[in-house]
Amino acid sequence: MHNQTNRRNFLSALWTFVALNIAFADILGLYTTGVIPEVISGVIEGVTITENMMLVAAVFIQIPIAMIVAMQLMPQRLWRLVNTTAIVVTALFVIGGGSLKPHYIFFASCEILALIGIAWLVWRTPALGWTSSEQ
């Protein structure tokens, strides 16, 4: 990754990967035996689903989606702060809001690895611009 455009695109791609994994973990979860009746009843794995809970989940899910676009628009000097915040919040959501079903553990592992990759990339990028050797 030798220039800022390539790094922006790669970071956006990693955030896309995280967002898609979050979505598909939930989609496949619907195919688990007994889940649809729980969804209809409004109590999933013992947790009562409320409109406020759904709003909070929507906000958490929106973070990696927003980061896809943000990586294309935000100035590089904000990369560390914004990405680190988004990584921590997203990781807490993935770990804290997940389940112990095998498919979810697989997706969550992929998401966490991608988040680690994002952190590694933004922290190895110079904070206030590129050095002449990286251009």
C-alpha atoms as a PDB file:
ATOM      1  CA  MET A   1       0.000   0.000   0.000  1.00  0.00           C
ATOM      2  CA  HIS A   2       2.146   2.806  -1.255  1.00  0.00           C
ATOM      3  CA  ASN A   3      -0.233   5.710  -1.466  1.00  0.00           C
ATOM      4  CA  GLN A   4      -3.073   7.247   0.463  1.00  0.00           C
ATOM      5  CA  THR A   5      -5.739   6.315  -2.117  1.00  0.00           C
ATOM      6  CA  ASN A   6      -4.796   2.639  -1.999  1.00  0.00           C
ATOM      7  CA  ARG A   7      -4.819   2.667   1.792  1.00  0.00           C
ATOM      8  CA  ARG A   8      -8.213   4.437   1.883  1.00  0.00           C
ATOM      9  CA  ASN A   9      -9.662   1.882  -0.522  1.00  0.00           C
ATOM     10  CA  PHE A  10      -8.247  -1.048   1.413  1.00  0.00           C
ATOM     11  CA  LEU A  11      -9.560   0.297   4.727  1.00  0.00           C
ATOM     12  CA  SER A  12     -12.993   0.839   3.145  1.00  0.00           C
ATOM     13  CA  ALA A  13     -12.871  -2.742   1.851  1.00  0.00           C
ATOM     14  CA  LEU A  14     -12.053  -4.049   5.344  1.00  0.00           C
ATOM     15  CA  TRP A  15     -14.952  -2.073   6.834  1.00  0.00           C
ATOM     16  CA  THR A  16     -17.191  -3.510   4.085  1.00  0.00           C
ATOM     17  CA  PHE A  17     -16.002  -6.988   5.080  1.00  0.00           C
ATOM     18  CA  VAL A  18     -16.883  -6.291   8.732  1.00  0.00           C
ATOM     19  CA  ALA A  19     -20.329  -4.895   7.852  1.00  0.00           C
ATOM     20  CA  LEU A  20     -21.193  -7.824   5.592  1.00  0.00           C
ATOM     21  CA  ASN A  21     -20.080 -10.352   8.203  1.00  0.00           C
ATOM     22  CA  ILE A  22     -22.281  -8.673  10.817  1.00  0.00           C
ATOM     23  CA  ALA A  23     -25.251  -8.775   8.446  1.00  0.00           C
ATOM     24  CA  PHE A  24     -24.770 -12.365   7.345  1.00  0.00           C
ATOM     25  CA  ALA A  25     -24.223 -13.626  10.894  1.00  0.00           C
ATOM     26  CA  ASP A  26     -27.671 -12.259  11.725  1.00  0.00           C
ATOM     27  CA  ILE A  27     -29.240 -13.521   8.498  1.00  0.00           C
ATOM     28  CA  LEU A  28     -27.920 -17.058   8.968  1.00  0.00           C
ATOM     29  CA  GLY A  29     -29.027 -16.908  12.597  1.00  0.00           C
ATOM     30  CA  LEU A  30     -32.617 -16.780  11.360  1.00  0.00           C
ATOM     31  CA  TYR A  31     -32.149 -20.244   9.837  1.00  0.00           C
ATOM     32  CA  THR A  32     -31.246 -21.785  13.188  1.00  0.00           C
ATOM     33  CA  THR A  33     -33.908 -24.171  14.450  1.00  0.00           C
ATOM     34  CA  GLY A  34     -36.408 -22.464  16.737  1.00  0.00           C
ATOM     35  CA  VAL A  35     -35.325 -18.884  16.064  1.00  0.00           C
ATOM     36  CA  ILE A  36     -38.288 -17.777  13.924  1.00  0.00           C
ATOM     37  CA  PRO A  37     -40.847 -18.556  16.677  1.00  0.00           C
ATOM     38  CA  GLU A  38     -38.640 -16.602  19.108  1.00  0.00           C
ATOM     39  CA  VAL A  39     -38.520 -13.664  16.696  1.00  0.00           C
ATOM     40  CA  ILE A  40     -42.305 -13.743  16.381  1.00  0.00           C
ATOM     41  CA  SER A  41     -42.711 -13.880  20.179  1.00  0.00           C
ATOM     42  CA  GLY A  42     -40.269 -10.995  20.662  1.00  0.00           C
ATOM     43  CA  VAL A  43     -38.012 -12.943  23.022  1.00  0.00           C
ATOM     44  CA  ILE A  44     -34.782 -14.257  21.490  1.00  0.00           C
ATOM     45  CA  GLU A  45     -32.513 -16.453  23.608  1.00  0.00           C
ATOM     46  CA  GLY A  46     -34.259 -15.126  26.710  1.00  0.00           C
ATOM     47  CA  VAL A  47     -33.851 -11.446  25.769  1.00  0.00           C
ATOM     48  CA  THR A  48     -37.003  -9.391  25.207  1.00  0.00           C
ATOM     49  CA  ILE A  49     -36.629  -7.404  22.004  1.00  0.00           C
ATOM     50  CA  THR A  50     -37.869  -3.821  22.336  1.00  0.00           C
ATOM     51  CA  GLU A  51     -37.991  -0.958  19.855  1.00  0.00           C
ATOM     52  CA  ASN A  52     -35.306   0.867  21.855  1.00  0.00           C
ATOM     53  CA  MET A  53     -33.070  -2.206  21.763  1.00  0.00           C
ATOM     54  CA  MET A  54     -33.523  -2.412  18.002  1.00  0.00           C
ATOM     55  CA  LEU A  55     -32.593   1.275  17.691  1.00  0.00           C
ATOM     56  CA  VAL A  56     -29.421   0.733  19.728  1.00  0.00           C
ATOM     57  CA  ALA A  57     -28.534  -2.292  17.578  1.00  0.00           C
ATOM     58  CA  ALA A  58     -29.154  -0.228  14.430  1.00  0.00           C
ATOM     59  CA  VAL A  59     -26.750   2.451  15.676  1.00  0.00           C
ATOM     60  CA  PHE A  60     -24.064  -0.139  16.427  1.00  0.00           C
ATOM     61  CA  ILE A  61     -24.542  -1.791  13.024  1.00  0.00           C
ATOM     62  CA  GLN A  62     -24.405   1.607  11.309  1.00  0.00           C
ATOM     63  CA  ILE A  63     -20.875   2.277  12.590  1.00  0.00           C
ATOM     64  CA  PRO A  64     -19.010  -0.098  10.233  1.00  0.00           C
ATOM     65  CA  ILE A  65     -21.347   0.885   7.397  1.00  0.00           C
ATOM     66  CA  ALA A  66     -20.571   4.566   7.962  1.00  0.00           C
ATOM     67  CA  MET A  67     -16.847   3.809   8.137  1.00  0.00           C
ATOM     68  CA  ILE A  68     -16.930   2.512   4.562  1.00  0.00           C
ATOM     69  CA  VAL A  69     -17.776   6.012   3.359  1.00  0.00           C
ATOM     70  CA  ALA A  70     -15.889   7.851   6.093  1.00  0.00           C
ATOM     71  CA  MET A  71     -12.606   6.264   5.017  1.00  0.00           C
ATOM     72  CA  GLN A  72     -13.049   7.844   1.595  1.00  0.00           C
ATOM     73  CA  LEU A  73     -13.896  11.308   2.945  1.00  0.00           C
ATOM     74  CA  MET A  74     -12.150  11.944   6.248  1.00  0.00           C
ATOM     75  CA  PRO A  75      -8.762  13.619   6.434  1.00  0.00           C
ATOM     76  CA  GLN A  76      -5.913  11.272   7.215  1.00  0.00           C
ATOM     77  CA  ARG A  77      -5.104  13.107  10.451  1.00  0.00           C
ATOM     78  CA  LEU A  78      -8.404  11.760  11.885  1.00  0.00           C
ATOM     79  CA  TRP A  79      -7.856   8.132  10.866  1.00  0.00           C
ATOM     80  CA  ARG A  80      -6.401   6.936  14.161  1.00  0.00           C
ATOM     81  CA  LEU A  81      -8.979   8.583  16.401  1.00  0.00           C
ATOM     82  CA  VAL A  82     -12.066   7.743  14.347  1.00  0.00           C
ATOM     83  CA  ASN A  83     -11.020   4.207  13.402  1.00  0.00           C
ATOM     84  CA  THR A  84      -9.857   3.326  16.906  1.00  0.00           C
ATOM     85  CA  THR A  85     -13.168   4.514  18.362  1.00  0.00           C
ATOM     86  CA  ALA A  86     -15.159   2.636  15.703  1.00  0.00           C
ATOM     87  CA  ILE A  87     -13.050  -0.508  16.213  1.00  0.00           C
ATOM     88  CA  VAL A  88     -13.564  -0.546  19.984  1.00  0.00           C
ATOM     89  CA  VAL A  89     -17.316   0.094  19.762  1.00  0.00           C
ATOM     90  CA  THR A  90     -17.784  -2.466  16.968  1.00  0.00           C
ATOM     91  CA  ALA A  91     -15.717  -5.117  18.774  1.00  0.00           C
ATOM     92  CA  LEU A  92     -17.743  -4.606  21.964  1.00  0.00           C
ATOM     93  CA  PHE A  93     -20.957  -4.975  19.938  1.00  0.00           C
ATOM     94  CA  VAL A  94     -19.714  -8.120  18.179  1.00  0.00           C
ATOM     95  CA  ILE A  95     -18.514  -9.771  21.374  1.00  0.00           C
ATOM     96  CA  GLY A  96     -21.192  -8.498  23.751  1.00  0.00           C
ATOM     97  CA  GLY A  97     -24.149  -8.839  21.411  1.00  0.00           C
ATOM     98  CA  GLY A  98     -23.262 -12.194  19.981  1.00  0.00           C
ATOM     99  CA  SER A  99     -24.169 -15.755  20.594  1.00  0.00           C
ATOM    100  CA  LEU A 100     -22.269 -18.989  21.157  1.00  0.00           C
ATOM    101  CA  LYS A 101     -23.679 -20.638  18.045  1.00  0.00           C
ATOM    102  CA  PRO A 102     -20.879 -22.005  15.841  1.00  0.00           C
ATOM    103  CA  HIS A 103     -21.746 -19.892  12.801  1.00  0.00           C
ATOM    104  CA  TYR A 104     -21.749 -16.737  14.924  1.00  0.00           C
ATOM    105  CA  ILE A 105     -18.396 -17.559  16.523  1.00  0.00           C
ATOM    106  CA  PHE A 106     -16.947 -18.038  13.023  1.00  0.00           C
ATOM    107  CA  PHE A 107     -18.330 -14.719  11.741  1.00  0.00           C
ATOM    108  CA  ALA A 108     -17.313 -12.879  14.927  1.00  0.00           C
ATOM    109  CA  SER A 109     -13.766 -14.256  14.626  1.00  0.00           C
ATOM    110  CA  CYS A 110     -13.544 -12.981  11.052  1.00  0.00           C
ATOM    111  CA  GLU A 111     -14.883  -9.588  12.136  1.00  0.00           C
ATOM    112  CA  ILE A 112     -12.401  -9.281  15.003  1.00  0.00           C
ATOM    113  CA  LEU A 113      -9.488 -10.255  12.738  1.00  0.00           C
ATOM    114  CA  ALA A 114     -10.555  -7.606  10.220  1.00  0.00           C
ATOM    115  CA  LEU A 115     -10.825  -5.018  13.005  1.00  0.00           C
ATOM    116  CA  ILE A 116      -7.301  -5.925  14.127  1.00  0.00           C
ATOM    117  CA  GLY A 117      -6.158  -5.467  10.520  1.00  0.00           C
ATOM    118  CA  ILE A 118      -7.799  -2.048  10.363  1.00  0.00           C
ATOM    119  CA  ALA A 119      -6.120  -1.027  13.622  1.00  0.00           C
ATOM    120  CA  TRP A 120      -2.751  -2.231  12.365  1.00  0.00           C
ATOM    121  CA  LEU A 121      -3.098  -0.256   9.125  1.00  0.00           C
ATOM    122  CA  VAL A 122      -4.216   3.011  10.700  1.00  0.00           C
ATOM    123  CA  TRP A 123      -1.611   2.858  13.437  1.00  0.00           C
ATOM    124  CA  ARG A 124       1.225   2.174  11.031  1.00  0.00           C
ATOM    125  CA  THR A 125       0.147   5.111   8.866  1.00  0.00           C
ATOM    126  CA  PRO A 126       1.940   8.318   9.886  1.00  0.00           C
ATOM    127  CA  ALA A 127      -0.473  10.477  11.887  1.00  0.00           C
ATOM    128  CA  LEU A 128      -0.029  13.724   9.976  1.00  0.00           C
ATOM    129  CA  GLY A 129       0.775  12.759   6.421  1.00  0.00           C
ATOM    130  CA  TRP A 130       3.010  10.474   4.488  1.00  0.00           C
ATOM    131  CA  THR A 131       6.739  10.432   4.745  1.00  0.00           C
ATOM    132  CA  SER A 132       8.593  10.851   1.476  1.00  0.00           C
ATOM    133  CA  SER A 133       9.635   7.182   1.512  1.00  0.00           C
ATOM    134  CA  GLU A 134       5.969   6.015   1.562  1.00  0.00           C
ATOM    135  CA  GLN A 135       4.714   8.101  -1.361  1.00  0.00           C
END
